[in-house]
Each structure stands twice: as structure tokens, then as C-alpha cells.
C-alpha atoms as a PDB file:
ATOM      1  CA  MET A   1      -0.050  -0.009   0.027  1.00  0.00           C
ATOM      2  CA  GLN A   2       1.152   3.508  -0.824  1.00  0.00           C
ATOM      3  CA  LYS A   3       2.764   5.307   2.031  1.00  0.00           C
ATOM      4  CA  LEU A   4       0.773   8.497   2.639  1.00  0.00           C
ATOM      5  CA  PRO A   5       1.952  11.697   4.247  1.00  0.00           C
ATOM      6  CA  ILE A   6       0.343  12.528   7.583  1.00  0.00           C
ATOM      7  CA  GLU A   7       0.720  16.264   6.785  1.00  0.00           C
ATOM      8  CA  ILE A   8       1.659  18.612   3.940  1.00  0.00           C
ATOM      9  CA  GLN A   9       3.129  21.941   5.037  1.00  0.00           C
ATOM     10  CA  GLU A  10       2.153  23.754   1.832  1.00  0.00           C
ATOM     11  CA  CYS A  11      -1.478  22.734   2.242  1.00  0.00           C
ATOM     12  CA  PRO A  12      -3.634  23.382  -0.846  1.00  0.00           C
ATOM     13  CA  ILE A  13      -7.012  22.475   0.884  1.00  0.00           C
ATOM     14  CA  ILE A  14      -9.441  25.405   0.690  1.00  0.00           C
ATOM     15  CA  GLU A  15     -12.423  23.435   2.152  1.00  0.00           C
ATOM     16  CA  SER A  16     -13.212  20.121   3.601  1.00  0.00           C
ATOM     17  CA  ILE A  17     -16.890  19.075   3.818  1.00  0.00           C
ATOM     18  CA  LEU A  18     -18.609  16.226   5.568  1.00  0.00           C
ATOM     19  CA  GLU A  19     -22.348  15.917   4.615  1.00  0.00           C
ATOM     20  CA  ILE A  20     -24.713  13.380   6.185  1.00  0.00           C
ATOM     21  CA  ARG A  21     -28.114  13.145   4.499  1.00  0.00           C
ATOM     22  CA  TYR A  22     -30.869  11.502   6.614  1.00  0.00           C
ATOM     23  CA  SER A  23     -34.609  11.056   7.086  1.00  0.00           C
ATOM     24  CA  SER A  24     -36.475  11.688  10.335  1.00  0.00           C
ATOM     25  CA  ASP A  25     -39.841  10.774  11.818  1.00  0.00           C
ATOM     26  CA  PHE A  26     -40.134  14.251  13.336  1.00  0.00           C
ATOM     27  CA  PRO A  27     -41.750  17.324  11.589  1.00  0.00           C
ATOM     28  CA  ALA A  28     -39.319  19.393   9.615  1.00  0.00           C
ATOM     29  CA  ASP A  29     -39.991  22.474  11.628  1.00  0.00           C
ATOM     30  CA  ALA A  30     -39.072  20.687  14.930  1.00  0.00           C
ATOM     31  CA  ILE A  31     -35.790  19.169  13.814  1.00  0.00           C
ATOM     32  CA  PHE A  32     -33.569  22.156  14.148  1.00  0.00           C
ATOM     33  CA  GLY A  33     -34.620  22.796  17.716  1.00  0.00           C
ATOM     34  CA  MET A  34     -34.012  19.195  18.759  1.00  0.00           C
ATOM     35  CA  ILE A  35     -30.580  19.008  17.133  1.00  0.00           C
ATOM     36  CA  TYR A  36     -29.591  22.426  18.397  1.00  0.00           C
ATOM     37  CA  GLY A  37     -30.741  21.435  21.942  1.00  0.00           C
ATOM     38  CA  GLY A  38     -28.361  18.471  21.789  1.00  0.00           C
ATOM     39  CA  ILE A  39     -25.263  20.270  20.522  1.00  0.00           C
ATOM     40  CA  ARG A  40     -25.646  23.906  21.733  1.00  0.00           C
ATOM     41  CA  TYR A  41     -22.774  23.592  24.308  1.00  0.00           C
ATOM     42  CA  GLU A  42     -20.380  23.040  21.477  1.00  0.00           C
ATOM     43  CA  PHE A  43     -21.270  26.589  20.265  1.00  0.00           C
ATOM     44  CA  GLN A  44     -21.617  28.531  23.523  1.00  0.00           C
ATOM     45  CA  GLY A  45     -22.150  32.234  22.941  1.00  0.00           C
ATOM     46  CA  ILE A  46     -22.700  31.682  19.163  1.00  0.00           C
ATOM     47  CA  ASN A  47     -26.053  32.500  17.688  1.00  0.00           C
ATOM     48  CA  PRO A  48     -27.467  30.296  14.799  1.00  0.00           C
ATOM     49  CA  GLU A  49     -27.483  32.007  11.412  1.00  0.00           C
ATOM     50  CA  SER A  50     -30.618  31.669   9.313  1.00  0.00           C
ATOM     51  CA  LEU A  51     -29.746  30.811   5.689  1.00  0.00           C
ATOM     52  CA  PRO A  52     -31.354  32.405   2.661  1.00  0.00           C
ATOM     53  CA  ILE A  53     -33.493  29.333   1.841  1.00  0.00           C
ATOM     54  CA  LEU A  54     -35.727  30.273   4.725  1.00  0.00           C
ATOM     55  CA  GLN A  55     -36.955  33.277   2.813  1.00  0.00           C
ATOM     56  CA  LEU A  56     -38.791  30.848   0.590  1.00  0.00           C
ATOM     57  CA  PRO A  57     -42.231  29.609   1.568  1.00  0.00           C
ATOM     58  CA  GLU A  58     -42.185  26.406   3.585  1.00  0.00           C
ATOM     59  CA  GLN A  59     -44.315  24.532   0.990  1.00  0.00           C
ATOM     60  CA  VAL A  60     -41.705  25.402  -1.757  1.00  0.00           C
ATOM     61  CA  ARG A  61     -38.864  24.280   0.473  1.00  0.00           C
ATOM     62  CA  LEU A  62     -40.387  20.943   1.213  1.00  0.00           C
ATOM     63  CA  GLN A  63     -41.654  20.066  -2.277  1.00  0.00           C
ATOM     64  CA  ASP A  64     -38.849  21.252  -4.530  1.00  0.00           C
ATOM     65  CA  PRO A  65     -36.532  18.299  -4.993  1.00  0.00           C
ATOM     66  CA  ASN A  66     -33.605  20.739  -5.650  1.00  0.00           C
ATOM     67  CA  LEU A  67     -34.007  22.086  -2.126  1.00  0.00           C
ATOM     68  CA  LYS A  68     -34.534  18.734  -0.360  1.00  0.00           C
ATOM     69  CA  TYR A  69     -31.036  18.534   1.093  1.00  0.00           C
ATOM     70  CA  GLN A  70     -30.417  22.172   1.783  1.00  0.00           C
ATOM     71  CA  ALA A  71     -29.426  23.400   5.229  1.00  0.00           C
ATOM     72  CA  TYR A  72     -31.605  26.005   7.003  1.00  0.00           C
ATOM     73  CA  TYR A  73     -29.288  27.203   9.703  1.00  0.00           C
ATOM     74  CA  ARG A  74     -25.584  27.483  10.351  1.00  0.00           C
ATOM     75  CA  LEU A  75     -23.385  27.729  13.402  1.00  0.00           C
ATOM     76  CA  SER A  76     -19.771  29.045  12.949  1.00  0.00           C
ATOM     77  CA  LYS A  77     -16.781  28.817  15.220  1.00  0.00           C
ATOM     78  CA  ASP A  78     -13.634  30.327  13.767  1.00  0.00           C
ATOM     79  CA  ASN A  79     -13.236  28.609  10.401  1.00  0.00           C
ATOM     80  CA  LEU A  80     -15.499  25.699  11.300  1.00  0.00           C
ATOM     81  CA  ASN A  81     -19.066  25.505  10.348  1.00  0.00           C
ATOM     82  CA  PHE A  82     -22.029  23.263  11.200  1.00  0.00           C
ATOM     83  CA  SER A  83     -25.172  23.498   9.156  1.00  0.00           C
ATOM     84  CA  ILE A  84     -28.550  21.886   9.876  1.00  0.00           C
ATOM     85  CA  GLY A  85     -31.472  21.201   7.646  1.00  0.00           C
ATOM     86  CA  PRO A  86     -34.512  18.873   7.973  1.00  0.00           C
ATOM     87  CA  ARG A  87     -32.737  16.245   5.778  1.00  0.00           C
ATOM     88  CA  THR A  88     -29.082  17.045   6.087  1.00  0.00           C
ATOM     89  CA  ILE A  89     -26.263  18.065   8.440  1.00  0.00           C
ATOM     90  CA  ILE A  90     -23.045  19.532   7.025  1.00  0.00           C
ATOM     91  CA  PHE A  91     -19.740  20.109   8.662  1.00  0.00           C
ATOM     92  CA  SER A  92     -17.154  22.341   6.874  1.00  0.00           C
ATOM     93  CA  ASN A  93     -13.574  23.452   7.532  1.00  0.00           C
ATOM     94  CA  LEU A  94     -12.611  26.469   5.605  1.00  0.00           C
ATOM     95  CA  GLU A  95      -8.990  27.271   4.951  1.00  0.00           C
ATOM     96  CA  PRO A  96      -6.824  27.088   6.772  1.00  0.00           C
ATOM     97  CA  TYR A  97      -7.232  23.375   7.156  1.00  0.00           C
ATOM     98  CA  ILE A  98      -6.807  22.488  10.832  1.00  0.00           C
ATOM     99  CA  GLY A  99      -5.668  18.872  10.190  1.00  0.00           C
ATOM    100  CA  TRP A 100      -7.583  15.569  10.226  1.00  0.00           C
ATOM    101  CA  ASP A 101      -7.107  14.896  14.043  1.00  0.00           C
ATOM    102  CA  ASP A 102      -8.740  18.146  15.060  1.00  0.00           C
ATOM    103  CA  TRP A 103     -11.259  18.195  12.238  1.00  0.00           C
ATOM    104  CA  SER A 104     -12.589  14.753  12.804  1.00  0.00           C
ATOM    105  CA  LEU A 105     -12.652  15.362  16.642  1.00  0.00           C
ATOM    106  CA  PHE A 106     -14.982  18.335  15.982  1.00  0.00           C
ATOM    107  CA  PHE A 107     -17.555  16.524  13.892  1.00  0.00           C
ATOM    108  CA  ASN A 108     -17.381  13.092  15.653  1.00  0.00           C
ATOM    109  CA  ARG A 109     -18.181  14.798  18.984  1.00  0.00           C
ATOM    110  CA  ILE A 110     -21.179  16.505  17.474  1.00  0.00           C
ATOM    111  CA  ILE A 111     -22.317  13.420  15.567  1.00  0.00           C
ATOM    112  CA  GLU A 112     -22.446  11.445  18.870  1.00  0.00           C
ATOM    113  CA  LYS A 113     -24.566  14.197  20.479  1.00  0.00           C
ATOM    114  CA  ILE A 114     -26.942  14.197  17.514  1.00  0.00           C
ATOM    115  CA  HIS A 115     -27.441  10.441  17.877  1.00  0.00           C
ATOM    116  CA  LYS A 116     -28.603  10.831  21.389  1.00  0.00           C
ATOM    117  CA  THR A 117     -31.404  13.147  20.275  1.00  0.00           C
ATOM    118  CA  ASN A 118     -32.980  10.283  18.218  1.00  0.00           C
ATOM    119  CA  VAL A 119     -33.832  12.843  15.521  1.00  0.00           C
ATOM    120  CA  ILE A 120     -32.339  10.692  12.750  1.00  0.00           C
ATOM    121  CA  SER A 121     -34.282   7.619  11.821  1.00  0.00           C
ATOM    122  CA  ARG A 122     -32.257   6.592   8.771  1.00  0.00           C
ATOM    123  CA  ILE A 123     -29.037   7.600   7.112  1.00  0.00           C
ATOM    124  CA  GLU A 124     -29.281   8.004   3.348  1.00  0.00           C
ATOM    125  CA  ARG A 125     -25.871   9.106   2.320  1.00  0.00           C
ATOM    126  CA  ILE A 126     -22.439  10.183   3.737  1.00  0.00           C
ATOM    127  CA  GLY A 127     -20.057  12.347   1.744  1.00  0.00           C
ATOM    128  CA  LEU A 128     -16.577  13.387   2.616  1.00  0.00           C
ATOM    129  CA  ARG A 129     -15.211  16.031   0.211  1.00  0.00           C
ATOM    130  CA  TYR A 130     -11.888  17.832  -0.203  1.00  0.00           C
ATOM    131  CA  ILE A 131     -11.331  20.809  -2.382  1.00  0.00           C
ATOM    132  CA  ASN A 132      -7.736  21.658  -3.218  1.00  0.00           C
ATOM    133  CA  SER A 133      -6.661  24.811  -5.044  1.00  0.00           C
ATOM    134  CA  PHE A 134      -3.290  25.317  -6.661  1.00  0.00           C
ATOM    135  CA  SER A 135      -2.258  28.831  -7.961  1.00  0.00           C
ATOM    136  CA  MET A 136      -0.841  27.506 -11.239  1.00  0.00           C
ATOM    137  CA  ASN A 137      -1.713  25.109 -14.017  1.00  0.00           C
ATOM    138  CA  LEU A 138      -0.860  21.602 -12.808  1.00  0.00           C
ATOM    139  CA  LEU A 139      -2.203  19.557 -15.593  1.00  0.00           C
ATOM    140  CA  ASN A 140       1.373  19.091 -16.968  1.00  0.00           C
ATOM    141  CA  GLN A 141       2.571  18.051 -13.481  1.00  0.00           C
ATOM    142  CA  ILE A 142       0.060  15.390 -12.346  1.00  0.00           C
ATOM    143  CA  ASN A 143      -0.316  11.828 -13.226  1.00  0.00           C
ATOM    144  CA  VAL A 144      -3.134  12.424 -15.746  1.00  0.00           C
ATOM    145  CA  ASP A 145      -3.049  13.148 -19.425  1.00  0.00           C
ATOM    146  CA  PHE A 146      -5.942  14.697 -21.279  1.00  0.00           C
ATOM    147  CA  ARG A 147      -5.906  14.387 -24.986  1.00  0.00           C
ATOM    148  CA  ILE A 148      -8.369  14.865 -27.877  1.00  0.00           C
ATOM    149  CA  ASN A 149      -7.325  13.309 -31.262  1.00  0.00           C
ATOM    150  CA  ASP A 150      -3.753  12.922 -29.855  1.00  0.00           C
ATOM    151  CA  SER A 151      -3.552  16.584 -29.020  1.00  0.00           C
ATOM    152  CA  SER A 152      -2.919  17.552 -25.435  1.00  0.00           C
ATOM    153  CA  ILE A 153      -5.433  19.909 -23.840  1.00  0.00           C
ATOM    154  CA  ASN A 154      -3.449  20.469 -20.681  1.00  0.00           C
ATOM    155  CA  ASP A 155      -3.041  24.042 -21.475  1.00  0.00           C
ATOM    156  CA  LYS A 156      -6.736  24.723 -22.236  1.00  0.00           C
ATOM    157  CA  PRO A 157      -9.464  25.673 -19.792  1.00  0.00           C
ATOM    158  CA  THR A 158     -10.550  22.166 -18.766  1.00  0.00           C
ATOM    159  CA  ASN A 159     -13.117  20.527 -16.466  1.00  0.00           C
ATOM    160  CA  ILE A 160     -13.056  16.780 -16.099  1.00  0.00           C
ATOM    161  CA  ARG A 161     -15.315  14.612 -13.855  1.00  0.00           C
ATOM    162  CA  THR A 162     -15.015  10.866 -13.368  1.00  0.00           C
ATOM    163  CA  GLU A 163     -16.063   8.277 -10.760  1.00  0.00           C
ATOM    164  CA  PHE A 164     -14.267   5.312  -9.205  1.00  0.00           C
ATOM    165  CA  HIS A 165     -16.400   2.628  -7.504  1.00  0.00           C
ATOM    166  CA  GLU A 166     -14.814   0.706  -4.636  1.00  0.00           C
ATOM    167  CA  ASP A 167     -16.748  -1.452  -2.193  1.00  0.00           C
ATOM    168  CA  LYS A 168     -19.628   0.785  -0.846  1.00  0.00           C
ATOM    169  CA  LEU A 169     -17.715   3.848  -1.796  1.00  0.00           C
ATOM    170  CA  ILE A 170     -17.989   6.065  -4.836  1.00  0.00           C
ATOM    171  CA  LYS A 171     -14.987   8.429  -5.332  1.00  0.00           C
ATOM    172  CA  VAL A 172     -15.952  11.435  -7.440  1.00  0.00           C
ATOM    173  CA  LEU A 173     -12.937  13.223  -8.928  1.00  0.00           C
ATOM    174  CA  GLN A 174     -13.155  16.601 -10.608  1.00  0.00           C
ATOM    175  CA  ILE A 175     -10.142  18.379 -12.021  1.00  0.00           C
ATOM    176  CA  SER A 176     -10.489  21.929 -13.283  1.00  0.00           C
ATOM    177  CA  ASN A 177      -7.918  24.139 -15.000  1.00  0.00           C
ATOM    178  CA  ILE A 178      -9.436  27.561 -14.898  1.00  0.00           C
ATOM    179  CA  LEU A 179      -8.667  31.295 -14.704  1.00  0.00           C
ATOM    180  CA  ASN A 180      -7.931  32.578 -11.187  1.00  0.00           C
ATOM    181  CA  PRO A 181     -10.517  35.235 -10.291  1.00  0.00           C
ATOM    182  CA  ARG A 182      -8.636  35.945  -7.097  1.00  0.00           C
ATOM    183  CA  ASN A 183      -5.469  37.037  -8.865  1.00  0.00           C
ATOM    184  CA  PRO A 184      -5.807  38.372 -12.383  1.00  0.00           C
ATOM    185  CA  LYS A 185      -2.029  38.271 -12.777  1.00  0.00           C
ATOM    186  CA  GLN A 186      -2.087  34.460 -12.584  1.00  0.00           C
ATOM    187  CA  LYS A 187      -3.199  33.109 -15.856  1.00  0.00           C
ATOM    188  CA  LYS A 188      -4.610  29.764 -14.483  1.00  0.00           C
ATOM    189  CA  ARG A 189      -5.204  27.747 -11.388  1.00  0.00           C
ATOM    190  CA  THR A 190      -6.009  24.017 -10.911  1.00  0.00           C
ATOM    191  CA  ILE A 191      -8.735  22.713  -8.623  1.00  0.00           C
ATOM    192  CA  ILE A 192      -8.595  19.067  -7.512  1.00  0.00           C
ATOM    193  CA  ASP A 193     -11.957  18.164  -6.013  1.00  0.00           C
ATOM    194  CA  ILE A 194     -12.494  14.739  -4.498  1.00  0.00           C
ATOM    195  CA  ASP A 195     -15.834  13.592  -2.977  1.00  0.00           C
ATOM    196  CA  CYS A 196     -16.086  10.174  -1.338  1.00  0.00           C
ATOM    197  CA  LEU A 197     -19.673   9.029  -1.108  1.00  0.00           C
ATOM    198  CA  TYR A 198     -21.441   6.214   0.652  1.00  0.00           C
ATOM    199  CA  ASP A 199     -24.905   5.145  -0.303  1.00  0.00           C
ATOM    200  CA  ILE A 200     -25.571   3.187   2.902  1.00  0.00           C
ATOM    201  CA  ASN A 201     -29.368   2.710   3.188  1.00  0.00           C
ATOM    202  CA  LYS A 202     -28.771  -0.965   3.915  1.00  0.00           C
ATOM    203  CA  LEU A 203     -26.203  -0.098   6.593  1.00  0.00           C
ATOM    204  CA  SER A 204     -27.998   2.804   8.209  1.00  0.00           C
ATOM    205  CA  ASN A 205     -28.975   0.833  11.419  1.00  0.00           C
ATOM    206  CA  GLU A 206     -25.175   0.408  12.223  1.00  0.00           C
ATOM    207  CA  PHE A 207     -23.884   3.819  11.100  1.00  0.00           C
ATOM    208  CA  PHE A 208     -23.764   5.413  14.556  1.00  0.00           C
ATOM    209  CA  ASP A 209     -21.997   2.387  16.055  1.00  0.00           C
ATOM    210  CA  ASN A 210     -19.340   2.620  13.393  1.00  0.00           C
ATOM    211  CA  HIS A 211     -19.445   6.187  12.105  1.00  0.00           C
ATOM    212  CA  LYS A 212     -15.773   6.879  12.942  1.00  0.00           C
ATOM    213  CA  GLU A 213     -14.611   3.871  10.997  1.00  0.00           C
ATOM    214  CA  TYR A 214     -16.720   4.724   7.918  1.00  0.00           C
ATOM    215  CA  ILE A 215     -15.571   8.301   7.786  1.00  0.00           C
ATOM    216  CA  GLU A 216     -11.907   7.382   8.497  1.00  0.00           C
ATOM    217  CA  TYR A 217     -12.023   4.823   5.667  1.00  0.00           C
ATOM    218  CA  ALA A 218     -13.405   7.520   3.281  1.00  0.00           C
ATOM    219  CA  HIS A 219     -10.627   9.872   4.448  1.00  0.00           C
ATOM    220  CA  THR A 220      -7.983   7.229   3.667  1.00  0.00           C
ATOM    221  CA  LYS A 221      -9.385   6.592   0.209  1.00  0.00           C
ATOM    222  CA  GLU A 222      -9.515  10.268  -0.516  1.00  0.00           C
ATOM    223  CA  LYS A 223      -5.887  10.669   0.467  1.00  0.00           C
ATOM    224  CA  GLU A 224      -4.827   7.734  -1.669  1.00  0.00           C
ATOM    225  CA  LEU A 225      -6.509   9.118  -4.720  1.00  0.00           C
ATOM    226  CA  PHE A 226      -5.172  12.687  -4.213  1.00  0.00           C
ATOM    227  CA  PHE A 227      -1.507  11.533  -3.637  1.00  0.00           C
ATOM    228  CA  ASN A 228      -1.639   9.096  -6.547  1.00  0.00           C
ATOM    229  CA  LEU A 229      -2.472  12.103  -8.771  1.00  0.00           C
ATOM    230  CA  LEU A 230       0.707  13.962  -7.795  1.00  0.00           C
ATOM    231  CA  THR A 231       4.216  13.264  -9.256  1.00  0.00           C
ATOM    232  CA  GLU A 232       7.039  12.859  -6.891  1.00  0.00           C
ATOM    233  CA  GLU A 233       8.440  16.239  -7.913  1.00  0.00           C
ATOM    234  CA  LEU A 234       5.122  18.005  -7.264  1.00  0.00           C
ATOM    235  CA  LEU A 235       4.593  16.284  -3.881  1.00  0.00           C
ATOM    236  CA  ALA A 236       8.056  17.413  -2.847  1.00  0.00           C
ATOM    237  CA  THR A 237       7.092  21.033  -3.313  1.00  0.00           C
ATOM    238  CA  LEU A 238       4.255  20.586  -0.824  1.00  0.00           C
ATOM    239  CA  LYS A 239       6.807  19.566   1.921  1.00  0.00           C
ATOM    240  CA  PRO A 240       5.144  16.299   3.075  1.00  0.00           C
ATOM    241  CA  LYS A 241       5.695  14.798   6.515  1.00  0.00           C
ATOM    242  CA  TYR A 242       5.535  11.050   7.255  1.00  0.00           C
ATOM    243  CA  LYS A 243       5.256   9.019  10.303  1.00  0.00           C
ATOM    244  CA  GLU A 244       6.693   5.557  10.459  1.00  0.00           C
ATOM    245  CA  ASP A 245       4.049   4.067  12.614  1.00  0.00           C
ATOM    246  CA  TRP A 246       1.146   5.439  10.533  1.00  0.00           C
ATOM    247  CA  LYS A 247      -1.830   2.970  10.994  1.00  0.00           C
ATOM    248  CA  TRP A 248      -4.162   2.153   8.137  1.00  0.00           C
ATOM    249  CA  VAL A 249      -7.878   1.797   8.621  1.00  0.00           C
ATOM    250  CA  THR A 250      -9.732  -0.956   6.743  1.00  0.00           C
ATOM    251  CA  ILE A 251     -13.282  -2.135   6.661  1.00  0.00           C
ATOM    252  CA  ASP A 252     -14.206  -5.558   5.514  1.00  0.00           C
ATOM    253  CA  PHE A 253     -17.575  -5.048   3.809  1.00  0.00           C
ATOM    254  CA  LYS A 254     -17.906  -8.703   2.882  1.00  0.00           C
ATOM    255  CA  LYS A 255     -18.520  -9.831   6.461  1.00  0.00           C
END
């Protein structure tokens, strides 16, 4: 198995997102209060922020399938956010990335408290997503080659999306080579966006007993895919750190 860094000092992560979609036996308008009551001590002194979707009529919010998994409220603590909707909870770590140990401690603690509220009756999907931004065109420096009729398109504005299926996990990889709106002097930047998704309807009864293992497994698979994209030369520029006693997490889904 590939040896993965435990940290890269020149961190390109601009956002990490954990989304859990669920269904509940409670009315939609009661769910926020029940979840907030269970986790409010994690955000002492912080008032919930109402999100723009609440400006829409309730009937529209509940019937429009495009709005089904939108969050209604958000709680923010430094660069960590927790958003709540009647069918979704979303955790996000905006840059700077605080590292997996602290990031996972934040959301695992809240997930355990939500479980005690008994609001969630079934888990529908889990997604762990990392968005990485590089202030240069990387398409000539990663282990991917884009061609049309034997002509390279690595220098063209490019947006590629593909999926890899592994066990119960779907890894969605998007690579974009685009103009950098933050800095007009830089001609292009590259976005590497990896979303690791579980469709775990059949496993929902055991999710809360094993949620750390499921999310840790998705994190490991995301890291494998990301670092496999990088050439050794590119990885060296990110100043990776390794640990000899790094432990791998595996789940045997065949049992």
C-alpha cells in the first residue's frame, strides 16, 4: 500500500466538507430545535445564522427536490461551520485546514450528541469532500493526461469529472484548470476536488455504532486518490511529513 503523508506543510486545501443526509420521523420544523438542543454547548455564545433558503415559503422548500437537502441554519466557530437542515447536516472546515485529528474530533463529537437526540431515523448518504486549489496550471505536473485526437489539452481551460467505484464507496474526482478570479496576474489555477460518497441505506442501522470507521475509511481513500495524482516532484514542493507508525484503517464489507 502506498505510504501517505500525515501532513503537507504547503497545504492546498481550501475546504473540507462532511455531509450526512438522513430522514427523520419528526416534523421538519421541529428538527432544528431538537438538534440544536443536543449540541448547543459546542457553540456557547454563538447564535445560529438563518440561511437564505428560509426566505422561501415552507411549501416550496419541502416540495422542490432541488431544495430537499439544503441546510436552513448555520453555526460558525472560527473557520469551522456546522449547518442543519431537515434532511441534512453539513460540517465544513474552511481554509486554513486544521488537520484531520482536530477536524474529525470536531464533527465526531457533534455526531455522537446528535445520535442521542434520536432525531435521525435513517441515514441516506455520507459524503466526505476535499477541495484543493493550486495557484498554477498543474495539468502538466500530475499523473493524468488529457488528449483529444492525440492533441494535449493540458493548457486549455478544462473541467473533467469521473467516478471510481470501490466497495460501498464512490469516489468522485473533478479536475478543473481555470482562470484565477482572485489574482488576475495568474493566468490559471487548478482545482482538484475529491468527494467520497457512501450510499448506505442498507447499513443505516449500524452507522452510529461505526461512524468513525466509515468516515476514516473515506478519508484514507480520498488521500490515496489525491496523492496518486501527484508526481514525486510536485509532492516534494508541498513539503510532506511522514510517520513511520502510521496506521491504516480498513473495513471488510464482505463480512
